[in-house]
PDB file of all heavy atoms in Angstrom:
ATOM      1  N   LEU A   1     -27.192 -67.568 -58.619  1.00  0.00           N
ATOM      2  CA  LEU A   1     -28.260 -68.141 -59.430  1.00  0.00           C
ATOM      3  C   LEU A   1     -28.721 -67.156 -60.503  1.00  0.00           C
ATOM      4  O   LEU A   1     -29.871 -67.180 -60.935  1.00  0.00           O
ATOM      5  CB  LEU A   1     -29.432 -68.561 -58.539  1.00  0.00           C
ATOM      6  CG  LEU A   1     -29.103 -69.667 -57.533  1.00  0.00           C
ATOM      7  CD1 LEU A   1     -29.049 -69.126 -56.114  1.00  0.00           C
ATOM      8  CD2 LEU A   1     -30.104 -70.804 -57.611  1.00  0.00           C
ATOM      9  N   ASP A   2     -27.815 -66.305 -60.944  1.00  0.00           N
ATOM     10  CA  ASP A   2     -28.155 -65.316 -61.959  1.00  0.00           C
ATOM     11  C   ASP A   2     -28.642 -65.999 -63.235  1.00  0.00           C
ATOM     12  O   ASP A   2     -28.043 -66.973 -63.702  1.00  0.00           O
ATOM     13  CB  ASP A   2     -26.940 -64.441 -62.280  1.00  0.00           C
ATOM     14  CG  ASP A   2     -26.402 -63.720 -61.053  1.00  0.00           C
ATOM     15  OD1 ASP A   2     -27.218 -63.326 -60.207  1.00  0.00           O
ATOM     16  OD2 ASP A   2     -25.170 -63.557 -60.947  1.00  0.00           O
ATOM     17  N   HIS A   3     -29.753 -65.491 -63.782  1.00  0.00           N
ATOM     18  CA  HIS A   3     -30.326 -65.981 -65.039  1.00  0.00           C
ATOM     19  C   HIS A   3     -30.771 -67.442 -64.970  1.00  0.00           C
ATOM     20  O   HIS A   3     -31.005 -68.068 -66.009  1.00  0.00           O
ATOM     21  CB  HIS A   3     -29.333 -65.812 -66.202  1.00  0.00           C
ATOM     22  CG  HIS A   3     -28.872 -64.404 -66.397  1.00  0.00           C
ATOM     23  ND1 HIS A   3     -29.609 -63.459 -67.077  1.00  0.00           N
ATOM     24  CD2 HIS A   3     -27.746 -63.762 -65.973  1.00  0.00           C
ATOM     25  CE1 HIS A   3     -28.959 -62.307 -67.074  1.00  0.00           C
ATOM     26  NE2 HIS A   3     -27.828 -62.454 -66.410  1.00  0.00           N
ATOM     27  N   ALA A   4     -30.905 -67.992 -63.777  1.00  0.00           N
ATOM     28  CA  ALA A   4     -31.379 -69.379 -63.634  1.00  0.00           C
ATOM     29  C   ALA A   4     -32.906 -69.410 -63.695  1.00  0.00           C
ATOM     30  O   ALA A   4     -33.581 -68.397 -63.555  1.00  0.00           O
ATOM     31  CB  ALA A   4     -30.885 -69.976 -62.325  1.00  0.00           C
ATOM     32  N   ASN A   5     -33.451 -70.615 -63.903  1.00  0.00           N
ATOM     33  CA  ASN A   5     -34.897 -70.798 -63.923  1.00  0.00           C
ATOM     34  C   ASN A   5     -35.298 -71.646 -62.716  1.00  0.00           C
ATOM     35  O   ASN A   5     -35.026 -72.844 -62.672  1.00  0.00           O
ATOM     36  CB  ASN A   5     -35.339 -71.477 -65.222  1.00  0.00           C
ATOM     37  CG  ASN A   5     -36.854 -71.505 -65.375  1.00  0.00           C
ATOM     38  OD1 ASN A   5     -37.599 -71.265 -64.419  1.00  0.00           O
ATOM     39  ND2 ASN A   5     -37.327 -71.799 -66.573  1.00  0.00           N
ATOM     40  N   LEU A   6     -35.941 -70.988 -61.738  1.00  0.00           N
ATOM     41  CA  LEU A   6     -36.415 -71.662 -60.533  1.00  0.00           C
ATOM     42  C   LEU A   6     -37.941 -71.605 -60.438  1.00  0.00           C
ATOM     43  O   LEU A   6     -38.519 -71.612 -59.367  1.00  0.00           O
ATOM     44  CB  LEU A   6     -35.801 -71.030 -59.278  1.00  0.00           C
ATOM     45  CG  LEU A   6     -34.345 -71.398 -58.932  1.00  0.00           C
ATOM     46  CD1 LEU A   6     -33.365 -70.643 -59.814  1.00  0.00           C
ATOM     47  CD2 LEU A   6     -34.032 -71.104 -57.477  1.00  0.00           C
ATOM     48  N   SER A   7     -38.592 -71.570 -61.573  1.00  0.00           N
ATOM     49  CA  SER A   7     -40.046 -71.483 -61.577  1.00  0.00           C
ATOM     50  C   SER A   7     -40.663 -72.685 -60.859  1.00  0.00           C
ATOM     51  O   SER A   7     -40.250 -73.828 -61.062  1.00  0.00           O
ATOM     52  CB  SER A   7     -40.573 -71.439 -63.020  1.00  0.00           C
ATOM     53  OG  SER A   7     -40.082 -70.310 -63.696  1.00  0.00           O
ATOM     54  N   ALA A   8     -41.639 -72.392 -60.005  1.00  0.00           N
ATOM     55  CA  ALA A   8     -42.423 -73.419 -59.305  1.00  0.00           C
ATOM     56  C   ALA A   8     -41.580 -74.341 -58.424  1.00  0.00           C
ATOM     57  O   ALA A   8     -41.957 -75.481 -58.172  1.00  0.00           O
ATOM     58  CB  ALA A   8     -43.249 -74.240 -60.301  1.00  0.00           C
ATOM     59  N   ILE A   9     -40.414 -73.850 -57.934  1.00  0.00           N
ATOM     60  CA  ILE A   9     -39.643 -74.685 -57.017  1.00  0.00           C
ATOM     61  C   ILE A   9     -40.356 -74.793 -55.666  1.00  0.00           C
ATOM     62  O   ILE A   9     -41.188 -73.969 -55.310  1.00  0.00           O
ATOM     63  CB  ILE A   9     -38.218 -74.135 -56.777  1.00  0.00           C
ATOM     64  CG1 ILE A   9     -38.274 -72.760 -56.087  1.00  0.00           C
ATOM     65  CG2 ILE A   9     -37.416 -74.108 -58.048  1.00  0.00           C
ATOM     66  CD1 ILE A   9     -36.974 -72.346 -55.449  1.00  0.00           C
ATOM     67  N   ARG A  10     -40.006 -75.816 -54.929  1.00  0.00           N
ATOM     68  CA  ARG A  10     -40.456 -75.957 -53.552  1.00  0.00           C
ATOM     69  C   ARG A  10     -39.279 -75.560 -52.669  1.00  0.00           C
ATOM     70  O   ARG A  10     -38.351 -76.331 -52.458  1.00  0.00           O
ATOM     71  CB  ARG A  10     -40.894 -77.395 -53.281  1.00  0.00           C
ATOM     72  CG  ARG A  10     -42.126 -77.806 -54.073  1.00  0.00           C
ATOM     73  CD  ARG A  10     -42.387 -79.295 -53.993  1.00  0.00           C
ATOM     74  NE  ARG A  10     -42.637 -79.728 -52.622  1.00  0.00           N
ATOM     75  CZ  ARG A  10     -42.813 -81.009 -52.276  1.00  0.00           C
ATOM     76  NH1 ARG A  10     -42.733 -81.955 -53.195  1.00  0.00           N
ATOM     77  NH2 ARG A  10     -43.047 -81.327 -51.020  1.00  0.00           N
ATOM     78  N   GLY A  11     -39.348 -74.316 -52.158  1.00  0.00           N
ATOM     79  CA  GLY A  11     -38.222 -73.787 -51.394  1.00  0.00           C
ATOM     80  C   GLY A  11     -38.597 -73.382 -49.988  1.00  0.00           C
ATOM     81  O   GLY A  11     -38.019 -72.430 -49.449  1.00  0.00           O
ATOM     82  N   TRP A  12     -39.548 -74.080 -49.404  1.00  0.00           N
ATOM     83  CA  TRP A  12     -39.986 -73.750 -48.049  1.00  0.00           C
ATOM     84  C   TRP A  12     -38.795 -73.775 -47.084  1.00  0.00           C
ATOM     85  O   TRP A  12     -38.013 -74.719 -47.055  1.00  0.00           O
ATOM     86  CB  TRP A  12     -41.039 -74.757 -47.581  1.00  0.00           C
ATOM     87  CG  TRP A  12     -41.514 -74.556 -46.181  1.00  0.00           C
ATOM     88  CD1 TRP A  12     -42.443 -73.659 -45.736  1.00  0.00           C
ATOM     89  CD2 TRP A  12     -41.054 -75.270 -45.024  1.00  0.00           C
ATOM     90  NE1 TRP A  12     -42.603 -73.766 -44.379  1.00  0.00           N
ATOM     91  CE2 TRP A  12     -41.767 -74.740 -43.908  1.00  0.00           C
ATOM     92  CE3 TRP A  12     -40.121 -76.285 -44.807  1.00  0.00           C
ATOM     93  CZ2 TRP A  12     -41.564 -75.207 -42.615  1.00  0.00           C
ATOM     94  CZ3 TRP A  12     -39.918 -76.748 -43.530  1.00  0.00           C
ATOM     95  CH2 TRP A  12     -40.640 -76.216 -42.451  1.00  0.00           C
ATOM     96  N   ALA A  13     -38.644 -72.679 -46.350  1.00  0.00           N
ATOM     97  CA  ALA A  13     -37.643 -72.568 -45.289  1.00  0.00           C
ATOM     98  C   ALA A  13     -36.205 -72.770 -45.780  1.00  0.00           C
ATOM     99  O   ALA A  13     -35.336 -73.172 -45.006  1.00  0.00           O
ATOM    100  CB  ALA A  13     -37.944 -73.546 -44.152  1.00  0.00           C
ATOM    101  N   LEU A  14     -35.936 -72.470 -47.050  1.00  0.00           N
ATOM    102  CA  LEU A  14     -34.544 -72.570 -47.503  1.00  0.00           C
ATOM    103  C   LEU A  14     -33.735 -71.384 -46.982  1.00  0.00           C
ATOM    104  O   LEU A  14     -34.279 -70.366 -46.572  1.00  0.00           O
ATOM    105  CB  LEU A  14     -34.456 -72.667 -49.024  1.00  0.00           C
ATOM    106  CG  LEU A  14     -34.914 -71.543 -49.955  1.00  0.00           C
ATOM    107  CD1 LEU A  14     -33.944 -70.368 -49.977  1.00  0.00           C
ATOM    108  CD2 LEU A  14     -35.070 -72.058 -51.372  1.00  0.00           C
ATOM    109  N   PHE A  15     -32.422 -71.519 -47.009  1.00  0.00           N
ATOM    110  CA  PHE A  15     -31.506 -70.487 -46.526  1.00  0.00           C
ATOM    111  C   PHE A  15     -30.726 -69.946 -47.727  1.00  0.00           C
ATOM    112  O   PHE A  15     -29.993 -70.689 -48.362  1.00  0.00           O
ATOM    113  CB  PHE A  15     -30.540 -71.059 -45.490  1.00  0.00           C
ATOM    114  CG  PHE A  15     -31.212 -71.642 -44.283  1.00  0.00           C
ATOM    115  CD1 PHE A  15     -31.605 -72.976 -44.264  1.00  0.00           C
ATOM    116  CD2 PHE A  15     -31.467 -70.856 -43.166  1.00  0.00           C
ATOM    117  CE1 PHE A  15     -32.236 -73.514 -43.153  1.00  0.00           C
ATOM    118  CE2 PHE A  15     -32.100 -71.383 -42.051  1.00  0.00           C
ATOM    119  CZ  PHE A  15     -32.483 -72.715 -42.047  1.00  0.00           C
ATOM    120  N   ALA A  16     -30.922 -68.666 -48.042  1.00  0.00           N
ATOM    121  CA  ALA A  16     -30.230 -68.085 -49.187  1.00  0.00           C
ATOM    122  C   ALA A  16     -29.717 -66.686 -48.871  1.00  0.00           C
ATOM    123  O   ALA A  16     -29.723 -65.791 -49.719  1.00  0.00           O
ATOM    124  CB  ALA A  16     -31.159 -68.054 -50.402  1.00  0.00           C
ATOM    125  N   GLN A  17     -29.248 -66.492 -47.651  1.00  0.00           N
ATOM    126  CA  GLN A  17     -28.709 -65.190 -47.274  1.00  0.00           C
ATOM    127  C   GLN A  17     -27.500 -64.857 -48.165  1.00  0.00           C
ATOM    128  O   GLN A  17     -26.602 -65.680 -48.346  1.00  0.00           O
ATOM    129  CB  GLN A  17     -28.286 -65.182 -45.812  1.00  0.00           C
ATOM    130  CG  GLN A  17     -29.439 -65.352 -44.831  1.00  0.00           C
ATOM    131  CD  GLN A  17     -29.635 -66.780 -44.387  1.00  0.00           C
ATOM    132  OE1 GLN A  17     -29.454 -67.699 -45.180  1.00  0.00           O
ATOM    133  NE2 GLN A  17     -29.987 -66.977 -43.125  1.00  0.00           N
ATOM    134  N   GLY A  18     -27.532 -63.644 -48.727  1.00  0.00           N
ATOM    135  CA  GLY A  18     -26.407 -63.195 -49.543  1.00  0.00           C
ATOM    136  C   GLY A  18     -26.326 -63.831 -50.920  1.00  0.00           C
ATOM    137  O   GLY A  18     -25.353 -63.607 -51.640  1.00  0.00           O
ATOM    138  N   ALA A  19     -27.325 -64.609 -51.310  1.00  0.00           N
ATOM    139  CA  ALA A  19     -27.311 -65.245 -52.628  1.00  0.00           C
ATOM    140  C   ALA A  19     -27.689 -64.237 -53.712  1.00  0.00           C
ATOM    141  O   ALA A  19     -28.298 -63.202 -53.444  1.00  0.00           O
ATOM    142  CB  ALA A  19     -28.262 -66.433 -52.659  1.00  0.00           C
ATOM    143  N   ARG A  20     -27.346 -64.550 -54.963  1.00  0.00           N
ATOM    144  CA  ARG A  20     -27.628 -63.669 -56.092  1.00  0.00           C
ATOM    145  C   ARG A  20     -28.628 -64.325 -57.034  1.00  0.00           C
ATOM    146  O   ARG A  20     -28.413 -65.450 -57.500  1.00  0.00           O
ATOM    147  CB  ARG A  20     -26.340 -63.330 -56.846  1.00  0.00           C
ATOM    148  CG  ARG A  20     -25.429 -62.382 -56.080  1.00  0.00           C
ATOM    149  CD  ARG A  20     -24.149 -62.101 -56.824  1.00  0.00           C
ATOM    150  NE  ARG A  20     -24.398 -61.729 -58.217  1.00  0.00           N
ATOM    151  CZ  ARG A  20     -23.432 -61.377 -59.061  1.00  0.00           C
ATOM    152  NH1 ARG A  20     -22.175 -61.347 -58.655  1.00  0.00           N
ATOM    153  NH2 ARG A  20     -23.718 -61.057 -60.299  1.00  0.00           N
ATOM    154  N   PHE A  21     -29.721 -63.587 -57.303  1.00  0.00           N
ATOM    155  CA  PHE A  21     -30.786 -64.055 -58.187  1.00  0.00           C
ATOM    156  C   PHE A  21     -31.056 -63.020 -59.280  1.00  0.00           C
ATOM    157  O   PHE A  21     -32.189 -62.779 -59.639  1.00  0.00           O
ATOM    158  CB  PHE A  21     -32.067 -64.291 -57.391  1.00  0.00           C
ATOM    159  CG  PHE A  21     -31.983 -65.357 -56.324  1.00  0.00           C
ATOM    160  CD1 PHE A  21     -31.554 -65.048 -55.037  1.00  0.00           C
ATOM    161  CD2 PHE A  21     -32.358 -66.666 -56.602  1.00  0.00           C
ATOM    162  CE1 PHE A  21     -31.501 -66.016 -54.047  1.00  0.00           C
ATOM    163  CE2 PHE A  21     -32.309 -67.644 -55.618  1.00  0.00           C
ATOM    164  CZ  PHE A  21     -31.884 -67.321 -54.343  1.00  0.00           C
ATOM    165  N   THR A  22     -30.035 -62.408 -59.826  1.00  0.00           N
ATOM    166  CA  THR A  22     -30.217 -61.357 -60.814  1.00  0.00           C
ATOM    167  C   THR A  22     -30.855 -61.920 -62.086  1.00  0.00           C
ATOM    168  O   THR A  22     -30.361 -62.888 -62.668  1.00  0.00           O
ATOM    169  CB  THR A  22     -28.867 -60.705 -61.174  1.00  0.00           C
ATOM    170  OG1 THR A  22     -28.249 -60.235 -59.981  1.00  0.00           O
ATOM    171  CG2 THR A  22     -29.066 -59.538 -62.131  1.00  0.00           C
ATOM    172  N   GLN A  23     -31.992 -61.322 -62.487  1.00  0.00           N
ATOM    173  CA  GLN A  23     -32.749 -61.738 -63.668  1.00  0.00           C
ATOM    174  C   GLN A  23     -33.120 -63.220 -63.636  1.00  0.00           C
ATOM    175  O   GLN A  23     -33.211 -63.887 -64.674  1.00  0.00           O
ATOM    176  CB  GLN A  23     -31.983 -61.397 -64.955  1.00  0.00           C
ATOM    177  CG  GLN A  23     -31.778 -59.895 -65.146  1.00  0.00           C
ATOM    178  CD  GLN A  23     -31.140 -59.546 -66.470  1.00  0.00           C
ATOM    179  OE1 GLN A  23     -31.417 -60.165 -67.487  1.00  0.00           O
ATOM    180  NE2 GLN A  23     -30.260 -58.548 -66.457  1.00  0.00           N
ATOM    181  N   THR A  24     -33.345 -63.718 -62.448  1.00  0.00           N
ATOM    182  CA  THR A  24     -33.724 -65.117 -62.265  1.00  0.00           C
ATOM    183  C   THR A  24     -35.234 -65.271 -62.367  1.00  0.00           C
ATOM    184  O   THR A  24     -35.993 -64.421 -61.925  1.00  0.00           O
ATOM    185  CB  THR A  24     -33.229 -65.613 -60.893  1.00  0.00           C
ATOM    186  OG1 THR A  24     -31.811 -65.502 -60.859  1.00  0.00           O
ATOM    187  CG2 THR A  24     -33.616 -67.062 -60.642  1.00  0.00           C
ATOM    188  N   ARG A  25     -35.685 -66.396 -62.908  1.00  0.00           N
ATOM    189  CA  ARG A  25     -37.112 -66.691 -63.001  1.00  0.00           C
ATOM    190  C   ARG A  25     -37.548 -67.501 -61.773  1.00  0.00           C
ATOM    191  O   ARG A  25     -37.027 -68.589 -61.526  1.00  0.00           O
ATOM    192  CB  ARG A  25     -37.424 -67.466 -64.279  1.00  0.00           C
ATOM    193  CG  ARG A  25     -37.187 -66.682 -65.565  1.00  0.00           C
ATOM    194  CD  ARG A  25     -37.681 -67.457 -66.771  1.00  0.00           C
ATOM    195  NE  ARG A  25     -39.106 -67.783 -66.646  1.00  0.00           N
ATOM    196  CZ  ARG A  25     -39.765 -68.546 -67.525  1.00  0.00           C
ATOM    197  NH1 ARG A  25     -39.131 -69.052 -68.572  1.00  0.00           N
ATOM    198  NH2 ARG A  25     -41.049 -68.785 -67.350  1.00  0.00           N
ATOM    199  N   LEU A  26     -38.501 -66.925 -61.036  1.00  0.00           N
ATOM    200  CA  LEU A  26     -39.025 -67.572 -59.827  1.00  0.00           C
ATOM    201  C   LEU A  26     -40.555 -67.515 -59.812  1.00  0.00           C
ATOM    202  O   LEU A  26     -41.179 -67.483 -58.755  1.00  0.00           O
ATOM    203  CB  LEU A  26     -38.457 -66.878 -58.584  1.00  0.00           C
ATOM    204  CG  LEU A  26     -36.962 -67.097 -58.328  1.00  0.00           C
ATOM    205  CD1 LEU A  26     -36.304 -65.843 -57.783  1.00  0.00           C
ATOM    206  CD2 LEU A  26     -36.755 -68.250 -57.356  1.00  0.00           C
ATOM    207  N   GLU A  27     -41.158 -67.555 -60.990  1.00  0.00           N
ATOM    208  CA  GLU A  27     -42.610 -67.483 -61.062  1.00  0.00           C
ATOM    209  C   GLU A  27     -43.244 -68.674 -60.348  1.00  0.00           C
ATOM    210  O   GLU A  27     -42.870 -69.827 -60.585  1.00  0.00           O
ATOM    211  CB  GLU A  27     -43.092 -67.464 -62.519  1.00  0.00           C
ATOM    212  CG  GLU A  27     -42.626 -66.274 -63.325  1.00  0.00           C
ATOM    213  CD  GLU A  27     -41.384 -66.558 -64.141  1.00  0.00           C
ATOM    214  OE1 GLU A  27     -40.671 -67.531 -63.809  1.00  0.00           O
ATOM    215  OE2 GLU A  27     -41.123 -65.803 -65.098  1.00  0.00           O
ATOM    216  N   GLY A  28     -44.184 -68.390 -59.454  1.00  0.00           N
ATOM    217  CA  GLY A  28     -44.883 -69.455 -58.753  1.00  0.00           C
ATOM    218  C   GLY A  28     -44.035 -70.238 -57.768  1.00  0.00           C
ATOM    219  O   GLY A  28     -44.447 -71.301 -57.287  1.00  0.00           O
ATOM    220  N   ALA A  29     -42.854 -69.730 -57.442  1.00  0.00           N
ATOM    221  CA  ALA A  29     -41.969 -70.437 -56.505  1.00  0.00           C
ATOM    222  C   ALA A  29     -42.507 -70.357 -55.081  1.00  0.00           C
ATOM    223  O   ALA A  29     -43.074 -69.348 -54.677  1.00  0.00           O
ATOM    224  CB  ALA A  29     -40.564 -69.848 -56.556  1.00  0.00           C
ATOM    225  N   ASP A  30     -42.349 -71.424 -54.330  1.00  0.00           N
ATOM    226  CA  ASP A  30     -42.708 -71.419 -52.915  1.00  0.00           C
ATOM    227  C   ASP A  30     -41.460 -71.102 -52.104  1.00  0.00           C
ATOM    228  O   ASP A  30     -40.592 -71.956 -51.924  1.00  0.00           O
ATOM    229  CB  ASP A  30     -43.281 -72.772 -52.497  1.00  0.00           C
ATOM    230  CG  ASP A  30     -43.690 -72.800 -51.025  1.00  0.00           C
ATOM    231  OD1 ASP A  30     -43.635 -71.739 -50.363  1.00  0.00           O
ATOM    232  OD2 ASP A  30     -44.068 -73.879 -50.527  1.00  0.00           O
ATOM    233  N   LEU A  31     -41.391 -69.866 -51.616  1.00  0.00           N
ATOM    234  CA  LEU A  31     -40.277 -69.417 -50.782  1.00  0.00           C
ATOM    235  C   LEU A  31     -40.792 -69.006 -49.409  1.00  0.00           C
ATOM    236  O   LEU A  31     -40.183 -68.181 -48.731  1.00  0.00           O
ATOM    237  CB  LEU A  31     -39.546 -68.260 -51.457  1.00  0.00           C
ATOM    238  CG  LEU A  31     -38.826 -68.587 -52.773  1.00  0.00           C
ATOM    239  CD1 LEU A  31     -38.396 -67.322 -53.491  1.00  0.00           C
ATOM    240  CD2 LEU A  31     -37.631 -69.498 -52.524  1.00  0.00           C
ATOM    241  N   SER A  32     -41.888 -69.587 -49.003  1.00  0.00           N
ATOM    242  CA  SER A  32     -42.443 -69.254 -47.696  1.00  0.00           C
ATOM    243  C   SER A  32     -41.468 -69.662 -46.596  1.00  0.00           C
ATOM    244  O   SER A  32     -40.815 -70.704 -46.672  1.00  0.00           O
ATOM    245  CB  SER A  32     -43.786 -69.964 -47.488  1.00  0.00           C
ATOM    246  OG  SER A  32     -43.682 -71.356 -47.691  1.00  0.00           O
ATOM    247  N   PHE A  33     -41.345 -68.793 -45.601  1.00  0.00           N
ATOM    248  CA  PHE A  33     -40.460 -68.999 -44.450  1.00  0.00           C
ATOM    249  C   PHE A  33     -38.977 -69.043 -44.833  1.00  0.00           C
ATOM    250  O   PHE A  33     -38.133 -69.428 -44.028  1.00  0.00           O
ATOM    251  CB  PHE A  33     -40.830 -70.268 -43.680  1.00  0.00           C
ATOM    252  CG  PHE A  33     -42.181 -70.215 -43.027  1.00  0.00           C
ATOM    253  CD1 PHE A  33     -43.316 -70.616 -43.724  1.00  0.00           C
ATOM    254  CD2 PHE A  33     -42.326 -69.761 -41.723  1.00  0.00           C
ATOM    255  CE1 PHE A  33     -44.570 -70.559 -43.139  1.00  0.00           C
ATOM    256  CE2 PHE A  33     -43.576 -69.696 -41.130  1.00  0.00           C
ATOM    257  CZ  PHE A  33     -44.699 -70.102 -41.836  1.00  0.00           C
ATOM    258  N   ALA A  34     -38.650 -68.647 -46.064  1.00  0.00           N
ATOM    259  CA  ALA A  34     -37.242 -68.661 -46.493  1.00  0.00           C
ATOM    260  C   ALA A  34     -36.459 -67.534 -45.842  1.00  0.00           C
ATOM    261  O   ALA A  34     -37.001 -66.485 -45.496  1.00  0.00           O
ATOM    262  CB  ALA A  34     -37.158 -68.541 -48.009  1.00  0.00           C
ATOM    263  N   ARG A  35     -35.156 -67.729 -45.689  1.00  0.00           N
ATOM    264  CA  ARG A  35     -34.254 -66.733 -45.144  1.00  0.00           C
ATOM    265  C   ARG A  35     -33.468 -66.128 -46.305  1.00  0.00           C
ATOM    266  O   ARG A  35     -32.583 -66.778 -46.868  1.00  0.00           O
ATOM    267  CB  ARG A  35     -33.319 -67.370 -44.098  1.00  0.00           C
ATOM    268  CG  ARG A  35     -34.060 -67.921 -42.885  1.00  0.00           C
ATOM    269  CD  ARG A  35     -34.733 -66.804 -42.100  1.00  0.00           C
ATOM    270  NE  ARG A  35     -35.449 -67.275 -40.922  1.00  0.00           N
ATOM    271  CZ  ARG A  35     -36.758 -67.477 -40.860  1.00  0.00           C
ATOM    272  NH1 ARG A  35     -37.509 -67.269 -41.936  1.00  0.00           N
ATOM    273  NH2 ARG A  35     -37.337 -67.884 -39.756  1.00  0.00           N
ATOM    274  N   LEU A  36     -33.827 -64.891 -46.671  1.00  0.00           N
ATOM    275  CA  LEU A  36     -33.299 -64.264 -47.875  1.00  0.00           C
ATOM    276  C   LEU A  36     -32.627 -62.920 -47.603  1.00  0.00           C
ATOM    277  O   LEU A  36     -32.467 -62.100 -48.507  1.00  0.00           O
ATOM    278  CB  LEU A  36     -34.444 -64.061 -48.888  1.00  0.00           C
ATOM    279  CG  LEU A  36     -35.248 -65.313 -49.255  1.00  0.00           C
ATOM    280  CD1 LEU A  36     -36.497 -64.946 -50.054  1.00  0.00           C
ATOM    281  CD2 LEU A  36     -34.389 -66.303 -50.029  1.00  0.00           C
ATOM    282  N   SER A  37     -32.210 -62.690 -46.375  1.00  0.00           N
ATOM    283  CA  SER A  37     -31.579 -61.413 -46.027  1.00  0.00           C
ATOM    284  C   SER A  37     -30.313 -61.188 -46.849  1.00  0.00           C
ATOM    285  O   SER A  37     -29.536 -62.120 -47.108  1.00  0.00           O
ATOM    286  CB  SER A  37     -31.240 -61.386 -44.538  1.00  0.00           C
ATOM    287  OG  SER A  37     -32.417 -61.461 -43.758  1.00  0.00           O
ATOM    288  N   ASN A  38     -30.132 -59.928 -47.280  1.00  0.00           N
ATOM    289  CA  ASN A  38     -28.949 -59.518 -48.039  1.00  0.00           C
ATOM    290  C   ASN A  38     -28.830 -60.212 -49.401  1.00  0.00           C
ATOM    291  O   ASN A  38     -27.783 -60.131 -50.045  1.00  0.00           O
ATOM    292  CB  ASN A  38     -27.659 -59.744 -47.235  1.00  0.00           C
ATOM    293  CG  ASN A  38     -27.576 -58.840 -46.025  1.00  0.00           C
ATOM    294  OD1 ASN A  38     -27.501 -57.623 -46.152  1.00  0.00           O
ATOM    295  ND2 ASN A  38     -27.617 -59.425 -44.829  1.00  0.00           N
ATOM    296  N   ALA A  39     -29.873 -60.884 -49.836  1.00  0.00           N
ATOM    297  CA  ALA A  39     -29.860 -61.488 -51.176  1.00  0.00           C
ATOM    298  C   ALA A  39     -30.156 -60.412 -52.214  1.00  0.00           C
ATOM    299  O   ALA A  39     -30.681 -59.348 -51.904  1.00  0.00           O
ATOM    300  CB  ALA A  39     -30.877 -62.615 -51.264  1.00  0.00           C
ATOM    301  N   ARG A  40     -29.836 -60.708 -53.473  1.00  0.00           N
ATOM    302  CA  ARG A  40     -30.038 -59.752 -54.554  1.00  0.00           C
ATOM    303  C   ARG A  40     -30.943 -60.371 -55.615  1.00  0.00           C
ATOM    304  O   ARG A  40     -30.595 -61.394 -56.212  1.00  0.00           O
ATOM    305  CB  ARG A  40     -28.701 -59.327 -55.152  1.00  0.00           C
ATOM    306  CG  ARG A  40     -27.723 -58.776 -54.111  1.00  0.00           C
ATOM    307  CD  ARG A  40     -26.476 -58.196 -54.762  1.00  0.00           C
ATOM    308  NE  ARG A  40     -26.767 -56.933 -55.421  1.00  0.00           N
ATOM    309  CZ  ARG A  40     -26.654 -55.750 -54.826  1.00  0.00           C
ATOM    310  NH1 ARG A  40     -26.270 -55.674 -53.551  1.00  0.00           N
ATOM    311  NH2 ARG A  40     -26.921 -54.637 -55.488  1.00  0.00           N
ATOM    312  N   PHE A  41     -32.098 -59.725 -55.812  1.00  0.00           N
ATOM    313  CA  PHE A  41     -33.087 -60.183 -56.779  1.00  0.00           C
ATOM    314  C   PHE A  41     -33.322 -59.111 -57.849  1.00  0.00           C
ATOM    315  O   PHE A  41     -34.430 -58.936 -58.324  1.00  0.00           O
ATOM    316  CB  PHE A  41     -34.411 -60.476 -56.072  1.00  0.00           C
ATOM    317  CG  PHE A  41     -34.423 -61.706 -55.203  1.00  0.00           C
ATOM    318  CD1 PHE A  41     -34.007 -61.634 -53.875  1.00  0.00           C
ATOM    319  CD2 PHE A  41     -34.854 -62.927 -55.701  1.00  0.00           C
ATOM    320  CE1 PHE A  41     -34.035 -62.749 -53.055  1.00  0.00           C
ATOM    321  CE2 PHE A  41     -34.878 -64.052 -54.887  1.00  0.00           C
ATOM    322  CZ  PHE A  41     -34.472 -63.968 -53.565  1.00  0.00           C
ATOM    323  N   GLU A  42     -32.291 -58.388 -58.242  1.00  0.00           N
ATOM    324  CA  GLU A  42     -32.482 -57.318 -59.206  1.00  0.00           C
ATOM    325  C   GLU A  42     -33.051 -57.862 -60.520  1.00  0.00           C
ATOM    326  O   GLU A  42     -32.531 -58.816 -61.095  1.00  0.00           O
ATOM    327  CB  GLU A  42     -31.168 -56.590 -59.491  1.00  0.00           C
ATOM    328  CG  GLU A  42     -30.715 -55.664 -58.367  1.00  0.00           C
ATOM    329  CD  GLU A  42     -29.710 -56.317 -57.442  1.00  0.00           C
ATOM    330  OE1 GLU A  42     -29.576 -57.563 -57.504  1.00  0.00           O
ATOM    331  OE2 GLU A  42     -29.059 -55.600 -56.660  1.00  0.00           O
ATOM    332  N   ALA A  43     -34.157 -57.231 -60.980  1.00  0.00           N
ATOM    333  CA  ALA A  43     -34.814 -57.586 -62.244  1.00  0.00           C
ATOM    334  C   ALA A  43     -35.248 -59.048 -62.291  1.00  0.00           C
ATOM    335  O   ALA A  43     -35.387 -59.633 -63.365  1.00  0.00           O
ATOM    336  CB  ALA A  43     -33.908 -57.259 -63.434  1.00  0.00           C
TER     337      ALA A  43
END
């Protein structure tokens, strides 16, 4: 999901282990209870 725009998504309890979010926009995103181990959110 590099350079994607996920602003204000509803991502409660999503599974994104090992996913890539480099320079991704996630302002105001709901990622509560999400599984994000080994994911990359650089910048």
